[in-house]
Amino acid sequence: MQSQPATADKTVKLLQGGDSLRRVWIVQRDDGVYVIKPEEWYQNVIEGELVAEGWKPIYGDFGLFGSADLAEREALVRLDWLMETLHPAV
């Protein structure tokens, strides 16, 4: 379940959601700028039969960052489900 995004850009880091159904790629574009690529796992079931599954973009690419660290911090701030992974409720 861990194929990289189909792009010529350089994948820098993968942040996984706690339920393993959502994730965020930190990617460096060809021009050196970093972007966030959130995805979620989907399954298409028709009449009880699995016909397709895979990762799909949630929001499309967003953000333009000067470093991978800045992109990661923004992902943690913007995506509540990702922050919950690092700091689960007690």
N, C-alpha and C. Protein backbone atom coordinates (compact mmCIF):
# COMPACT_ATOMS: atom_id res chain seq x y z
N MET A 1 0.82 -1.20 0.00
CA MET A 1 0.00 0.00 0.00
C MET A 1 0.86 1.26 0.00
N GLN A 2 2.11 1.20 -0.45
CA GLN A 2 2.93 2.40 -0.33
C GLN A 2 3.59 2.77 -1.65
N SER A 3 2.84 2.95 -2.69
CA SER A 3 3.43 3.43 -3.93
C SER A 3 3.57 4.94 -3.87
N GLN A 4 4.63 5.44 -4.47
CA GLN A 4 4.89 6.88 -4.45
C GLN A 4 4.03 7.57 -5.49
N PRO A 5 3.83 8.89 -5.32
CA PRO A 5 3.02 9.62 -6.30
C PRO A 5 3.65 9.56 -7.68
N ALA A 6 2.83 9.49 -8.70
CA ALA A 6 3.31 9.44 -10.07
C ALA A 6 3.73 10.84 -10.50
N THR A 7 5.01 11.13 -10.40
CA THR A 7 5.50 12.46 -10.72
C THR A 7 6.99 12.41 -10.96
N ALA A 8 7.53 13.39 -11.64
CA ALA A 8 8.97 13.49 -11.83
C ALA A 8 9.61 14.22 -10.66
N ASP A 9 8.79 14.75 -9.75
CA ASP A 9 9.30 15.45 -8.58
C ASP A 9 9.95 14.45 -7.62
N LYS A 10 10.73 14.97 -6.68
CA LYS A 10 11.46 14.13 -5.73
C LYS A 10 10.67 13.99 -4.42
N THR A 11 10.32 12.77 -4.06
CA THR A 11 9.65 12.51 -2.81
C THR A 11 10.66 12.60 -1.67
N VAL A 12 10.34 13.42 -0.66
CA VAL A 12 11.26 13.66 0.44
C VAL A 12 10.84 12.89 1.70
N LYS A 13 9.53 12.89 2.00
CA LYS A 13 9.07 12.28 3.24
C LYS A 13 7.62 11.86 3.12
N LEU A 14 7.27 10.83 3.87
CA LEU A 14 5.89 10.36 3.94
C LEU A 14 5.42 10.45 5.38
N LEU A 15 4.29 11.13 5.61
CA LEU A 15 3.67 11.22 6.93
C LEU A 15 2.39 10.40 6.86
N GLN A 16 2.26 9.41 7.73
CA GLN A 16 1.14 8.48 7.69
C GLN A 16 0.13 8.82 8.76
N GLY A 17 -1.16 8.80 8.42
CA GLY A 17 -2.22 8.99 9.40
C GLY A 17 -2.32 7.78 10.31
N GLY A 18 -2.87 7.95 11.50
CA GLY A 18 -2.96 6.87 12.48
C GLY A 18 -3.77 5.68 12.02
N ASP A 19 -4.77 5.91 11.17
CA ASP A 19 -5.61 4.82 10.71
C ASP A 19 -5.05 4.16 9.44
N SER A 20 -3.91 4.62 8.97
CA SER A 20 -3.25 4.11 7.75
C SER A 20 -4.10 4.28 6.50
N LEU A 21 -5.15 5.08 6.58
CA LEU A 21 -6.01 5.32 5.43
C LEU A 21 -5.79 6.70 4.82
N ARG A 22 -4.96 7.50 5.49
CA ARG A 22 -4.61 8.82 4.96
C ARG A 22 -3.11 9.03 5.15
N ARG A 23 -2.55 9.76 4.22
CA ARG A 23 -1.12 10.04 4.28
C ARG A 23 -0.81 11.33 3.55
N VAL A 24 0.40 11.84 3.78
CA VAL A 24 0.83 13.08 3.15
C VAL A 24 2.25 12.88 2.64
N TRP A 25 2.43 13.16 1.37
CA TRP A 25 3.77 13.16 0.79
C TRP A 25 4.32 14.57 0.85
N ILE A 26 5.57 14.71 1.28
CA ILE A 26 6.30 15.98 1.17
C ILE A 26 7.17 15.80 -0.07
N VAL A 27 6.98 16.66 -1.05
CA VAL A 27 7.62 16.49 -2.35
C VAL A 27 8.37 17.76 -2.74
N GLN A 28 9.55 17.56 -3.28
CA GLN A 28 10.33 18.69 -3.82
C GLN A 28 10.12 18.72 -5.33
N ARG A 29 9.61 19.83 -5.81
CA ARG A 29 9.38 19.98 -7.24
C ARG A 29 10.70 20.20 -7.98
N ASP A 30 10.64 20.13 -9.28
CA ASP A 30 11.83 20.34 -10.11
C ASP A 30 12.45 21.71 -9.89
N ASP A 31 11.64 22.70 -9.51
CA ASP A 31 12.16 24.06 -9.30
C ASP A 31 12.72 24.27 -7.89
N GLY A 32 12.75 23.20 -7.06
CA GLY A 32 13.33 23.29 -5.73
C GLY A 32 12.33 23.63 -4.63
N VAL A 33 11.11 23.95 -4.98
CA VAL A 33 10.07 24.30 -4.01
C VAL A 33 9.42 23.00 -3.51
N TYR A 34 9.01 23.01 -2.24
CA TYR A 34 8.36 21.84 -1.63
C TYR A 34 6.85 22.04 -1.58
N VAL A 35 6.10 20.96 -1.79
CA VAL A 35 4.64 20.98 -1.71
C VAL A 35 4.17 19.79 -0.87
N ILE A 36 2.93 19.87 -0.45
CA ILE A 36 2.28 18.82 0.33
C ILE A 36 1.27 18.13 -0.58
N LYS A 37 1.28 16.79 -0.57
CA LYS A 37 0.35 16.01 -1.39
C LYS A 37 -0.41 15.03 -0.49
N PRO A 38 -1.55 15.44 0.07
CA PRO A 38 -2.35 14.53 0.91
C PRO A 38 -3.11 13.53 0.05
N GLU A 39 -3.21 12.30 0.55
CA GLU A 39 -3.94 11.24 -0.14
C GLU A 39 -4.75 10.43 0.86
N GLU A 40 -5.75 9.71 0.34
CA GLU A 40 -6.51 8.78 1.17
C GLU A 40 -6.72 7.48 0.41
N TRP A 41 -6.82 6.39 1.15
CA TRP A 41 -7.05 5.08 0.58
C TRP A 41 -8.53 4.92 0.29
N TYR A 42 -8.86 4.42 -0.88
CA TYR A 42 -10.27 4.20 -1.19
C TYR A 42 -10.47 2.76 -1.66
N GLN A 43 -11.68 2.30 -1.51
CA GLN A 43 -12.09 1.01 -2.04
C GLN A 43 -13.45 1.21 -2.69
N ASN A 44 -13.57 0.73 -3.91
CA ASN A 44 -14.83 0.81 -4.63
C ASN A 44 -15.43 -0.60 -4.64
N VAL A 45 -16.54 -0.75 -3.91
CA VAL A 45 -17.20 -2.05 -3.78
C VAL A 45 -18.56 -1.96 -4.45
N ILE A 46 -18.80 -2.86 -5.37
CA ILE A 46 -20.10 -2.91 -6.06
C ILE A 46 -20.71 -4.28 -5.81
N GLU A 47 -21.90 -4.27 -5.24
CA GLU A 47 -22.62 -5.50 -4.91
C GLU A 47 -21.74 -6.48 -4.15
N GLY A 48 -21.01 -5.95 -3.16
CA GLY A 48 -20.19 -6.79 -2.32
C GLY A 48 -18.86 -7.22 -2.91
N GLU A 49 -18.56 -6.80 -4.13
CA GLU A 49 -17.30 -7.20 -4.78
C GLU A 49 -16.38 -5.98 -4.91
N LEU A 50 -15.15 -6.16 -4.47
CA LEU A 50 -14.14 -5.11 -4.59
C LEU A 50 -13.71 -5.00 -6.06
N VAL A 51 -13.97 -3.83 -6.66
CA VAL A 51 -13.63 -3.65 -8.07
C VAL A 51 -12.44 -2.73 -8.28
N ALA A 52 -12.12 -1.92 -7.28
CA ALA A 52 -10.96 -1.03 -7.39
C ALA A 52 -10.55 -0.56 -6.01
N GLU A 53 -9.25 -0.32 -5.85
CA GLU A 53 -8.75 0.26 -4.62
C GLU A 53 -7.43 0.94 -4.92
N GLY A 54 -7.08 1.89 -4.08
CA GLY A 54 -5.82 2.59 -4.27
C GLY A 54 -5.81 3.93 -3.56
N TRP A 55 -4.74 4.67 -3.77
CA TRP A 55 -4.59 6.00 -3.17
C TRP A 55 -5.09 7.06 -4.13
N LYS A 56 -5.81 8.04 -3.59
CA LYS A 56 -6.29 9.15 -4.41
C LYS A 56 -5.97 10.46 -3.69
N PRO A 57 -5.70 11.51 -4.45
CA PRO A 57 -5.45 12.82 -3.84
C PRO A 57 -6.69 13.30 -3.09
N ILE A 58 -6.46 13.93 -1.95
CA ILE A 58 -7.58 14.47 -1.18
C ILE A 58 -7.87 15.90 -1.63
N TYR A 59 -6.87 16.77 -1.58
CA TYR A 59 -7.07 18.18 -1.88
C TYR A 59 -6.26 18.64 -3.08
N GLY A 60 -5.47 17.79 -3.65
CA GLY A 60 -4.50 18.22 -4.64
C GLY A 60 -3.28 18.78 -3.94
N ASP A 61 -2.28 19.17 -4.69
CA ASP A 61 -1.07 19.74 -4.08
C ASP A 61 -1.42 21.07 -3.44
N PHE A 62 -0.80 21.37 -2.32
CA PHE A 62 -0.97 22.72 -1.80
C PHE A 62 0.29 23.17 -1.08
N GLY A 63 0.41 24.47 -1.02
CA GLY A 63 1.54 25.09 -0.35
C GLY A 63 2.76 25.19 -1.23
N LEU A 64 3.54 26.20 -0.99
CA LEU A 64 4.85 26.39 -1.60
C LEU A 64 5.79 26.71 -0.46
N PHE A 65 6.74 25.83 -0.22
CA PHE A 65 7.60 25.95 0.96
C PHE A 65 9.06 25.93 0.55
N GLY A 66 9.89 26.62 1.32
CA GLY A 66 11.32 26.69 1.04
C GLY A 66 12.10 25.50 1.56
N SER A 67 11.48 24.69 2.43
CA SER A 67 12.18 23.51 2.94
C SER A 67 11.17 22.40 3.25
N ALA A 68 11.66 21.19 3.36
CA ALA A 68 10.81 20.05 3.71
C ALA A 68 10.28 20.20 5.13
N ASP A 69 11.09 20.76 6.04
CA ASP A 69 10.65 20.96 7.42
C ASP A 69 9.46 21.92 7.51
N LEU A 70 9.51 23.00 6.74
CA LEU A 70 8.38 23.94 6.72
C LEU A 70 7.13 23.27 6.17
N ALA A 71 7.28 22.47 5.13
CA ALA A 71 6.13 21.76 4.54
C ALA A 71 5.54 20.78 5.56
N GLU A 72 6.39 20.07 6.28
CA GLU A 72 5.91 19.12 7.28
C GLU A 72 5.17 19.84 8.40
N ARG A 73 5.72 20.94 8.89
CA ARG A 73 5.04 21.70 9.95
C ARG A 73 3.67 22.19 9.50
N GLU A 74 3.59 22.66 8.26
CA GLU A 74 2.30 23.13 7.74
C GLU A 74 1.30 21.98 7.64
N ALA A 75 1.75 20.82 7.21
CA ALA A 75 0.87 19.65 7.12
C ALA A 75 0.33 19.30 8.50
N LEU A 76 1.18 19.34 9.51
CA LEU A 76 0.75 19.01 10.87
C LEU A 76 -0.26 20.02 11.41
N VAL A 77 -0.10 21.28 11.04
CA VAL A 77 -1.02 22.32 11.50
C VAL A 77 -2.34 22.27 10.74
N ARG A 78 -2.29 22.05 9.44
CA ARG A 78 -3.49 22.10 8.59
C ARG A 78 -4.35 20.85 8.66
N LEU A 79 -3.73 19.69 8.84
CA LEU A 79 -4.45 18.42 8.74
C LEU A 79 -4.61 17.82 10.14
N ASP A 80 -5.78 18.05 10.74
CA ASP A 80 -6.03 17.60 12.11
C ASP A 80 -5.77 16.11 12.27
N TRP A 81 -6.18 15.32 11.31
CA TRP A 81 -6.03 13.87 11.41
C TRP A 81 -4.56 13.45 11.46
N LEU A 82 -3.69 14.25 10.92
CA LEU A 82 -2.27 13.94 10.97
C LEU A 82 -1.69 14.28 12.34
N MET A 83 -2.10 15.39 12.91
CA MET A 83 -1.63 15.78 14.24
C MET A 83 -2.11 14.78 15.29
N GLU A 84 -3.33 14.26 15.13
CA GLU A 84 -3.86 13.27 16.07
C GLU A 84 -3.01 12.01 16.09
N THR A 85 -2.35 11.73 14.98
CA THR A 85 -1.46 10.57 14.90
C THR A 85 -0.28 10.73 15.85
N LEU A 86 0.25 11.94 15.91
CA LEU A 86 1.42 12.20 16.75
C LEU A 86 1.06 12.42 18.20
N HIS A 87 -0.15 12.95 18.46
CA HIS A 87 -0.58 13.24 19.82
C HIS A 87 -1.99 12.69 20.03
N PRO A 88 -2.13 11.38 20.20
CA PRO A 88 -3.48 10.79 20.36
C PRO A 88 -4.16 11.28 21.64
N ALA A 89 -5.48 11.39 21.58
CA ALA A 89 -6.27 11.79 22.75
C ALA A 89 -6.20 10.70 23.80
N VAL A 90 -6.16 11.10 25.05
CA VAL A 90 -6.05 10.12 26.14
C VAL A 90 -7.42 9.88 26.74
